[in-house]
C-alpha cells in the first residue's frame, strides 16, 4: 500500500476516534493518561489538560511520549483496528493557540464550558492548556484492511 493510502486510512481512523492514551516517563516510572484529542492535516495530535496533571508535568522534563488510540471493540476475535504512536509533546505555542483552540471547539463544542476563548488560556483564567504531540511514527494495526499483515508503519 502506498504511503498516501496508508495516511488516508490513518486520518479516517483519527476522525472516528475521540480518546487517546499517552504515556510519559519520569525517573524510569511510566505513566498513562487518557485524554480527548484533535488532530491537524499534518497528523499532529492535540490534547487539553490541566498543567498540574502528572502527564503535563512529566512532559516538561521529558517530551518523549508514546500513545494509543483505540475505538471500542465488541469482543475478542472480532477484527480490530487501532493506532499506536511515538513522538514529542509540548505545550502549544502562543502562535499556534488560536488554530488549535478552534480545532478543539469544532471537534468538541463543549470545550467552551471550561475555556471560553484563547484569552482564557493566555491570561490563565482557565487551568487547562493545549498540548501538541508531533508523532515521528504512527503504527496502524488494522486486521480489517490488512488481514495478512495487520501492522502498518507510517513514518513521518
Protein backbone atom coordinates (compact mmCIF):
# COMPACT_ATOMS: atom_id res chain seq x y z
CA UNK A 1 0.00 0.00 0.00
CA UNK A 2 1.27 3.46 -0.82
CA UNK A 3 2.16 5.96 1.89
CA UNK A 4 -0.68 8.23 0.73
CA UNK A 5 -3.27 5.44 1.00
CA UNK A 6 -1.99 4.43 4.43
CA UNK A 7 -2.08 8.07 5.52
CA UNK A 8 -5.71 8.29 4.36
CA UNK A 9 -6.68 5.22 6.44
CA UNK A 10 -4.93 6.72 9.49
CA UNK A 11 -6.77 10.04 9.00
CA UNK A 12 -10.11 8.23 8.70
CA UNK A 13 -9.41 6.38 11.94
CA UNK A 14 -8.33 9.58 13.75
CA UNK A 15 -11.55 11.22 12.63
CA UNK A 16 -13.67 8.38 14.05
CA UNK A 17 -11.84 8.01 17.38
CA UNK A 18 -12.12 10.55 20.19
CA UNK A 19 -9.91 9.38 23.07
CA UNK A 20 -6.22 8.58 23.18
CA UNK A 21 -3.88 7.33 25.82
CA UNK A 22 -0.49 8.92 26.21
CA UNK A 23 2.45 7.55 28.13
CA UNK A 24 5.05 9.72 29.84
CA UNK A 25 8.05 8.77 31.96
CA UNK A 26 9.83 10.32 34.93
CA UNK A 27 12.67 8.67 36.86
CA UNK A 28 12.09 5.42 34.93
CA UNK A 29 8.48 5.30 36.13
CA UNK A 30 5.92 5.24 33.30
CA UNK A 31 2.51 6.86 33.45
CA UNK A 32 -0.50 6.57 31.14
CA UNK A 33 -3.30 9.13 30.85
CA UNK A 34 -6.47 9.10 28.79
CA UNK A 35 -7.27 12.38 27.05
CA UNK A 36 -9.63 13.77 24.40
CA UNK A 37 -7.74 14.61 21.22
CA UNK A 38 -7.90 16.54 17.99
CA UNK A 39 -5.52 16.42 15.04
CA UNK A 40 -4.46 18.57 12.11
CA UNK A 41 -3.68 17.86 8.44
CA UNK A 42 -0.03 17.16 9.36
CA UNK A 43 -1.17 14.45 11.79
CA UNK A 44 -0.05 16.40 14.81
CA UNK A 45 -2.15 15.38 17.79
CA UNK A 46 -3.51 17.85 20.33
CA UNK A 47 -4.99 17.36 23.76
CA UNK A 48 -6.27 19.57 26.54
CA UNK A 49 -5.17 19.02 30.10
CA UNK A 50 -4.56 20.86 33.32
CA UNK A 51 -0.95 21.96 33.81
CA UNK A 52 -0.96 20.24 37.21
CA UNK A 53 -1.74 16.74 35.90
CA UNK A 54 1.05 14.23 36.22
CA UNK A 55 1.45 13.73 32.45
CA UNK A 56 1.57 17.51 31.86
CA UNK A 57 4.29 17.94 34.49
CA UNK A 58 6.31 14.98 33.25
CA UNK A 59 6.43 16.05 29.62
CA UNK A 60 8.06 19.35 30.65
CA UNK A 61 11.17 17.39 31.68
CA UNK A 62 10.90 14.64 29.10
CA UNK A 63 8.97 15.45 25.91
CA UNK A 64 9.14 11.86 24.60
CA UNK A 65 5.72 10.24 24.59
CA UNK A 66 4.04 7.16 23.21
CA UNK A 67 0.37 6.53 22.86
CA UNK A 68 -2.54 4.51 21.60
CA UNK A 69 -5.87 5.35 20.04
CA UNK A 70 -8.39 2.53 20.09
CA UNK A 71 -12.10 2.61 19.45
CA UNK A 72 -14.23 0.16 21.44
CA UNK A 73 -14.40 -3.36 20.04
CA UNK A 74 -17.27 -5.74 20.73
CA UNK A 75 -15.37 -8.84 21.76
CA UNK A 76 -12.17 -10.82 21.38
CA UNK A 77 -11.92 -12.46 17.97
CA UNK A 78 -13.53 -9.62 16.02
CA UNK A 79 -11.20 -7.99 13.51
CA UNK A 80 -9.66 -4.98 15.23
CA UNK A 81 -8.12 -1.66 14.30
CA UNK A 82 -6.05 0.73 16.39
CA UNK A 83 -3.22 3.22 16.32
CA UNK A 84 -0.02 3.41 18.30
CA UNK A 85 2.44 6.29 18.01
CA UNK A 86 5.61 7.79 19.36
CA UNK A 87 6.72 11.39 19.28
CA UNK A 88 7.46 14.55 21.20
CA UNK A 89 4.98 16.61 23.20
CA UNK A 90 4.94 20.18 24.45
CA UNK A 91 2.56 22.99 25.30
CA UNK A 92 1.20 24.70 22.22
CA UNK A 93 2.96 27.97 21.40
CA UNK A 94 1.11 31.28 21.60
CA UNK A 95 1.32 31.50 17.81
CA UNK A 96 -0.44 28.13 17.38
CA UNK A 97 -3.00 28.68 20.13
CA UNK A 98 -5.82 30.20 18.03
CA UNK A 99 -5.64 27.40 15.43
CA UNK A 100 -5.54 24.61 17.98
CA UNK A 101 -8.26 26.17 20.12
CA UNK A 102 -10.51 26.23 17.04
CA UNK A 103 -9.65 22.59 16.26
CA UNK A 104 -10.95 21.62 19.69
CA UNK A 105 -14.03 23.82 19.65
CA UNK A 106 -15.01 22.48 16.22
CA UNK A 107 -14.50 18.87 17.29
CA UNK A 108 -15.82 19.27 20.85
CA UNK A 109 -18.14 22.29 21.20
CA UNK A 110 -18.41 21.66 24.95
CA UNK A 111 -14.78 22.78 25.23
CA UNK A 112 -16.16 26.28 25.71
CA UNK A 113 -17.60 25.26 29.09
CA UNK A 114 -14.12 25.40 30.63
CA UNK A 115 -12.28 27.53 28.04
CA UNK A 116 -14.38 30.28 26.53
CA UNK A 117 -11.60 31.72 24.36
CA UNK A 118 -7.87 31.72 23.67
CA UNK A 119 -7.70 34.66 26.06
CA UNK A 120 -8.69 32.33 28.93
CA UNK A 121 -5.57 30.27 28.28
CA UNK A 122 -3.19 33.18 27.74
CA UNK A 123 -4.37 35.01 30.89
CA UNK A 124 -4.51 31.80 32.98
CA UNK A 125 -8.23 32.26 33.59
CA UNK A 126 -8.51 28.51 33.00
CA UNK A 127 -6.16 25.91 34.40
CA UNK A 128 -6.40 23.95 31.14
CA UNK A 129 -3.79 24.16 28.41
CA UNK A 130 -3.45 22.69 24.95
CA UNK A 131 -0.59 20.32 24.25
CA UNK A 132 0.80 19.21 20.90
CA UNK A 133 2.29 15.85 20.02
CA UNK A 134 4.42 15.69 16.90
CA UNK A 135 4.50 11.99 16.03
CA UNK A 136 7.65 10.58 14.48
CA UNK A 137 5.93 7.28 13.72
CA UNK A 138 2.35 6.05 13.63
CA UNK A 139 1.52 2.36 13.53
CA UNK A 140 -1.88 1.39 12.22
CA UNK A 141 -2.89 -2.05 13.46
CA UNK A 142 -5.65 -3.00 11.06
CA UNK A 143 -6.95 -6.56 10.69
CA UNK A 144 -9.85 -5.28 8.55
CA UNK A 145 -7.87 -3.79 5.66
CA UNK A 146 -4.66 -5.79 6.14
CA UNK A 147 -5.67 -9.31 7.26
CA UNK A 148 -2.30 -10.83 6.26
CA UNK A 149 -0.07 -8.07 7.65
CA UNK A 150 -2.06 -6.01 10.14
CA UNK A 151 0.86 -3.87 11.39
CA UNK A 152 1.41 -0.92 9.02
CA UNK A 153 4.04 1.72 9.86
CA UNK A 154 3.72 5.33 8.75
CA UNK A 155 6.98 7.22 9.34
CA UNK A 156 6.50 10.97 9.42
